[in-house]
Amino acid sequence: MAGKRGWIILTADERIRYKPLEKAALLSSGTLVFLLANRKSATGAEMADAFIAAETSILNAIARQK
């Protein structure tokens, strides 16, 4: 659904690559996904802060996509 709407997924799920159905759905839809690694014990607010701090890098990566 996110891919169909043109949304970008932000996740801290480092194991997503080991989930065949989720991985296949992401790859087939062309959905952009950004992973916040090494944040298993981070709070939601800490993860949000990390994504905000990475905003420029994320936007640059999106701009490089077709």
C-alpha atoms as a PDB file:
ATOM      1  CA  MET A   1       0.000   0.000   0.000  1.00  0.00           C
ATOM      2  CA  ALA A   2       2.830   2.422   0.830  1.00  0.00           C
ATOM      3  CA  GLY A   3       4.432   1.878  -2.571  1.00  0.00           C
ATOM      4  CA  LYS A   4       1.155   2.423  -4.401  1.00  0.00           C
ATOM      5  CA  ARG A   5       0.755   5.734  -2.595  1.00  0.00           C
ATOM      6  CA  GLY A   6       4.331   6.776  -3.291  1.00  0.00           C
ATOM      7  CA  TRP A   7       5.198   6.788   0.386  1.00  0.00           C
ATOM      8  CA  ILE A   8       8.672   6.156   1.709  1.00  0.00           C
ATOM      9  CA  ILE A   9       9.134   3.630   4.482  1.00  0.00           C
ATOM     10  CA  LEU A  10      11.265   4.457   7.523  1.00  0.00           C
ATOM     11  CA  THR A  11      12.030   1.430   9.678  1.00  0.00           C
ATOM     12  CA  ALA A  12      14.303   0.154  12.403  1.00  0.00           C
ATOM     13  CA  ASP A  13      13.592  -3.486  11.490  1.00  0.00           C
ATOM     14  CA  GLU A  14      17.085  -4.756  10.663  1.00  0.00           C
ATOM     15  CA  ARG A  15      15.726  -8.257  10.076  1.00  0.00           C
ATOM     16  CA  ILE A  16      13.443  -7.228   7.224  1.00  0.00           C
ATOM     17  CA  ARG A  17      15.857  -8.791   4.728  1.00  0.00           C
ATOM     18  CA  TYR A  18      15.159 -12.185   6.329  1.00  0.00           C
ATOM     19  CA  LYS A  19      11.388 -11.898   5.912  1.00  0.00           C
ATOM     20  CA  PRO A  20      10.753 -13.277   2.407  1.00  0.00           C
ATOM     21  CA  LEU A  21       7.214 -11.977   1.932  1.00  0.00           C
ATOM     22  CA  GLU A  22       8.003  -8.467   3.152  1.00  0.00           C
ATOM     23  CA  LYS A  23      11.231  -8.323   1.162  1.00  0.00           C
ATOM     24  CA  ALA A  24       9.487  -9.509  -2.025  1.00  0.00           C
ATOM     25  CA  ALA A  25       6.701  -6.952  -1.592  1.00  0.00           C
ATOM     26  CA  LEU A  26       9.181  -4.121  -1.203  1.00  0.00           C
ATOM     27  CA  LEU A  27      11.343  -5.200  -4.132  1.00  0.00           C
ATOM     28  CA  SER A  28       8.426  -5.749  -6.494  1.00  0.00           C
ATOM     29  CA  SER A  29       6.771  -2.439  -5.621  1.00  0.00           C
ATOM     30  CA  GLY A  30       9.898  -0.313  -5.940  1.00  0.00           C
ATOM     31  CA  THR A  31       9.109   1.254  -2.586  1.00  0.00           C
ATOM     32  CA  LEU A  32      11.940   3.278  -1.080  1.00  0.00           C
ATOM     33  CA  VAL A  33      12.948   2.071   2.368  1.00  0.00           C
ATOM     34  CA  PHE A  34      15.356   3.688   4.800  1.00  0.00           C
ATOM     35  CA  LEU A  35      16.641   1.590   7.655  1.00  0.00           C
ATOM     36  CA  LEU A  36      17.704   3.022  10.985  1.00  0.00           C
ATOM     37  CA  ALA A  37      20.307   0.436  12.003  1.00  0.00           C
ATOM     38  CA  ASN A  38      21.564  -0.375  15.485  1.00  0.00           C
ATOM     39  CA  ARG A  39      18.583   1.188  17.252  1.00  0.00           C
ATOM     40  CA  LYS A  40      16.907  -1.837  18.847  1.00  0.00           C
ATOM     41  CA  SER A  41      16.662  -0.225  22.272  1.00  0.00           C
ATOM     42  CA  ALA A  42      15.942   3.317  21.069  1.00  0.00           C
ATOM     43  CA  THR A  43      12.682   4.971  21.981  1.00  0.00           C
ATOM     44  CA  GLY A  44      10.327   6.243  19.298  1.00  0.00           C
ATOM     45  CA  ALA A  45      11.450   9.793  20.013  1.00  0.00           C
ATOM     46  CA  GLU A  46      15.123   8.808  19.664  1.00  0.00           C
ATOM     47  CA  MET A  47      14.429   7.100  16.355  1.00  0.00           C
ATOM     48  CA  ALA A  48      12.510  10.136  15.120  1.00  0.00           C
ATOM     49  CA  ASP A  49      15.439  12.369  16.081  1.00  0.00           C
ATOM     50  CA  ALA A  50      17.838  10.089  14.182  1.00  0.00           C
ATOM     51  CA  PHE A  51      15.686  10.178  11.047  1.00  0.00           C
ATOM     52  CA  ILE A  52      15.381  13.966  11.305  1.00  0.00           C
ATOM     53  CA  ALA A  53      19.162  14.243  11.643  1.00  0.00           C
ATOM     54  CA  ALA A  54      19.492  12.140   8.479  1.00  0.00           C
ATOM     55  CA  GLU A  55      16.894  14.141   6.554  1.00  0.00           C
ATOM     56  CA  THR A  56      19.351  15.752   4.123  1.00  0.00           C
ATOM     57  CA  SER A  57      20.974  12.412   3.325  1.00  0.00           C
ATOM     58  CA  ILE A  58      17.577  10.770   2.852  1.00  0.00           C
ATOM     59  CA  LEU A  59      16.349  13.547   0.562  1.00  0.00           C
ATOM     60  CA  ASN A  60      19.568  13.372  -1.475  1.00  0.00           C
ATOM     61  CA  ALA A  61      19.178   9.612  -1.886  1.00  0.00           C
ATOM     62  CA  ILE A  62      15.559  10.059  -3.007  1.00  0.00           C
ATOM     63  CA  ALA A  63      16.582  12.721  -5.536  1.00  0.00           C
ATOM     64  CA  ARG A  64      19.054  10.242  -7.087  1.00  0.00           C
ATOM     65  CA  GLN A  65      16.260   7.742  -7.780  1.00  0.00           C
ATOM     66  CA  LYS A  66      14.404   7.662 -11.094  1.00  0.00           C
END
